[in-house]
Every structure is written in structure tokens, then in C-alpha cells.
C-alpha atoms as a PDB file:
ATOM      1  CA  MET A   1       0.000   0.000   0.000  1.00  0.00           C
ATOM      2  CA  SER A   2       1.441   3.352  -1.045  1.00  0.00           C
ATOM      3  CA  LYS A   3       0.450   6.050   1.411  1.00  0.00           C
ATOM      4  CA  LEU A   4       1.579   8.886  -0.880  1.00  0.00           C
ATOM      5  CA  ALA A   5      -0.587   7.769  -3.804  1.00  0.00           C
ATOM      6  CA  THR A   6      -3.547   7.137  -1.505  1.00  0.00           C
ATOM      7  CA  ILE A   7      -3.287  10.574   0.109  1.00  0.00           C
ATOM      8  CA  LEU A   8      -2.857  12.282  -3.274  1.00  0.00           C
ATOM      9  CA  GLY A   9      -5.879  10.395  -4.628  1.00  0.00           C
ATOM     10  CA  ILE A  10      -8.043  11.504  -1.721  1.00  0.00           C
ATOM     11  CA  ILE A  11      -6.899  15.127  -2.091  1.00  0.00           C
ATOM     12  CA  VAL A  12      -7.530  15.170  -5.843  1.00  0.00           C
ATOM     13  CA  LEU A  13     -10.987  13.632  -5.384  1.00  0.00           C
ATOM     14  CA  ALA A  14     -11.851  16.201  -2.703  1.00  0.00           C
ATOM     15  CA  ILE A  15     -10.812  19.051  -5.005  1.00  0.00           C
ATOM     16  CA  ALA A  16     -12.732  17.584  -7.946  1.00  0.00           C
ATOM     17  CA  PHE A  17     -15.950  17.050  -5.997  1.00  0.00           C
ATOM     18  CA  GLY A  18     -15.607  20.487  -4.441  1.00  0.00           C
ATOM     19  CA  THR A  19     -15.315  22.328  -7.757  1.00  0.00           C
ATOM     20  CA  ALA A  20     -17.853  20.362  -9.797  1.00  0.00           C
ATOM     21  CA  PRO A  21     -21.208  21.724  -8.572  1.00  0.00           C
ATOM     22  CA  MET A  22     -20.625  25.434  -9.336  1.00  0.00           C
ATOM     23  CA  PRO A  23     -23.469  26.472 -11.664  1.00  0.00           C
ATOM     24  CA  LEU A  24     -23.464  29.316 -14.170  1.00  0.00           C
ATOM     25  CA  THR A  25     -26.939  30.681 -14.953  1.00  0.00           C
ATOM     26  CA  LEU A  26     -27.478  32.395 -18.309  1.00  0.00           C
ATOM     27  CA  THR A  27     -30.466  34.440 -19.394  1.00  0.00           C
ATOM     28  CA  LEU A  28     -31.085  34.460 -23.141  1.00  0.00           C
ATOM     29  CA  GLN A  29     -32.467  37.425 -25.126  1.00  0.00           C
ATOM     30  CA  ASP A  30     -35.970  36.035 -25.482  1.00  0.00           C
ATOM     31  CA  PRO A  31     -36.052  33.856 -22.436  1.00  0.00           C
ATOM     32  CA  THR A  32     -38.658  31.234 -21.989  1.00  0.00           C
ATOM     33  CA  ARG A  33     -36.521  29.931 -19.140  1.00  0.00           C
ATOM     34  CA  ASN A  34     -33.106  30.380 -17.562  1.00  0.00           C
ATOM     35  CA  VAL A  35     -30.335  28.069 -18.689  1.00  0.00           C
ATOM     36  CA  THR A  36     -27.968  26.622 -16.100  1.00  0.00           C
ATOM     37  CA  ILE A  37     -24.691  25.069 -17.198  1.00  0.00           C
ATOM     38  CA  TYR A  38     -21.912  23.534 -15.153  1.00  0.00           C
ATOM     39  CA  PRO A  39     -18.630  24.549 -16.830  1.00  0.00           C
ATOM     40  CA  ASN A  40     -16.475  23.177 -14.014  1.00  0.00           C
ATOM     41  CA  VAL A  41     -17.602  19.634 -14.807  1.00  0.00           C
ATOM     42  CA  LEU A  42     -15.230  19.746 -17.796  1.00  0.00           C
ATOM     43  CA  PHE A  43     -12.445  20.329 -15.283  1.00  0.00           C
ATOM     44  CA  ALA A  44     -13.756  17.995 -12.600  1.00  0.00           C
ATOM     45  CA  VAL A  45     -14.330  14.822 -14.647  1.00  0.00           C
ATOM     46  CA  PRO A  46     -10.640  14.300 -15.554  1.00  0.00           C
ATOM     47  CA  LEU A  47      -9.702  15.076 -11.951  1.00  0.00           C
ATOM     48  CA  ILE A  48     -12.179  12.471 -10.692  1.00  0.00           C
ATOM     49  CA  LEU A  49     -10.648   9.895 -13.035  1.00  0.00           C
ATOM     50  CA  LEU A  50      -7.114  10.827 -11.981  1.00  0.00           C
ATOM     51  CA  GLY A  51      -7.996  10.719  -8.289  1.00  0.00           C
ATOM     52  CA  THR A  52      -9.649   7.331  -8.685  1.00  0.00           C
ATOM     53  CA  LEU A  53      -6.612   5.910 -10.474  1.00  0.00           C
ATOM     54  CA  LEU A  54      -4.262   7.294  -7.820  1.00  0.00           C
ATOM     55  CA  LEU A  55      -6.420   5.869  -5.066  1.00  0.00           C
ATOM     56  CA  LEU A  56      -6.596   2.440  -6.699  1.00  0.00           C
ATOM     57  CA  TYR A  57      -2.857   2.455  -7.349  1.00  0.00           C
ATOM     58  CA  GLY A  58      -2.142   3.428  -3.762  1.00  0.00           C
ATOM     59  CA  VAL A  59      -4.288   0.616  -2.425  1.00  0.00           C
ATOM     60  CA  THR A  60      -3.037  -2.148  -4.730  1.00  0.00           C
ATOM     61  CA  VAL A  61       0.715  -1.472  -5.032  1.00  0.00           C
ATOM     62  CA  LYS A  62       3.080  -3.392  -2.759  1.00  0.00           C
ATOM     63  CA  ASN A  63       5.911  -1.737  -0.860  1.00  0.00           C
ATOM     64  CA  PRO A  64       9.415  -2.873  -1.831  1.00  0.00           C
ATOM     65  CA  GLN A  65      10.061  -3.869   1.786  1.00  0.00           C
ATOM     66  CA  ASP A  66       7.121  -6.297   1.663  1.00  0.00           C
ATOM     67  CA  ALA A  67       8.333  -7.919  -1.569  1.00  0.00           C
ATOM     68  CA  ARG A  68      11.741  -8.988  -0.237  1.00  0.00           C
ATOM     69  CA  VAL A  69      12.499 -12.681  -0.266  1.00  0.00           C
ATOM     70  CA  THR A  70      14.130 -13.884   2.912  1.00  0.00           C
END
């Protein structure tokens, strides 16, 4: 288990989930309704994938001290 990769994965996931739900509301010229878009999702989705991969790597990798043959 790699503690560095696990901690980095948790930090990246926290940042990604923290930035994702910021809405941007637009009002069009002839509005029948307001339009809400989430532009930060384009930034958050790759960060969620990266954080998940770091977390999985941190959990599954073996330390070199554990792999020694005695």
C-alpha cells in the first residue's frame, strides 16, 4: 500500500468534488426559461478519473520492503 498515492488520490478527489457543482446561470435574449450550465464539470471529470486511479494504485501497489524474499 502506497500512502503517498492514496493521500494524493483523496486530495484530488476532494478538489474535484468540491469544484464540480458550481453552476453558471445564463439568461437568453428572449427567455422562456433560464439556462444553467456547469462549466467546471469539464475540469472535474478528468480530476475524478485521476484521483480514482491514484487511489486504486495506492491501495493495490506493494511496498518494496514487503516484496523482499528472505
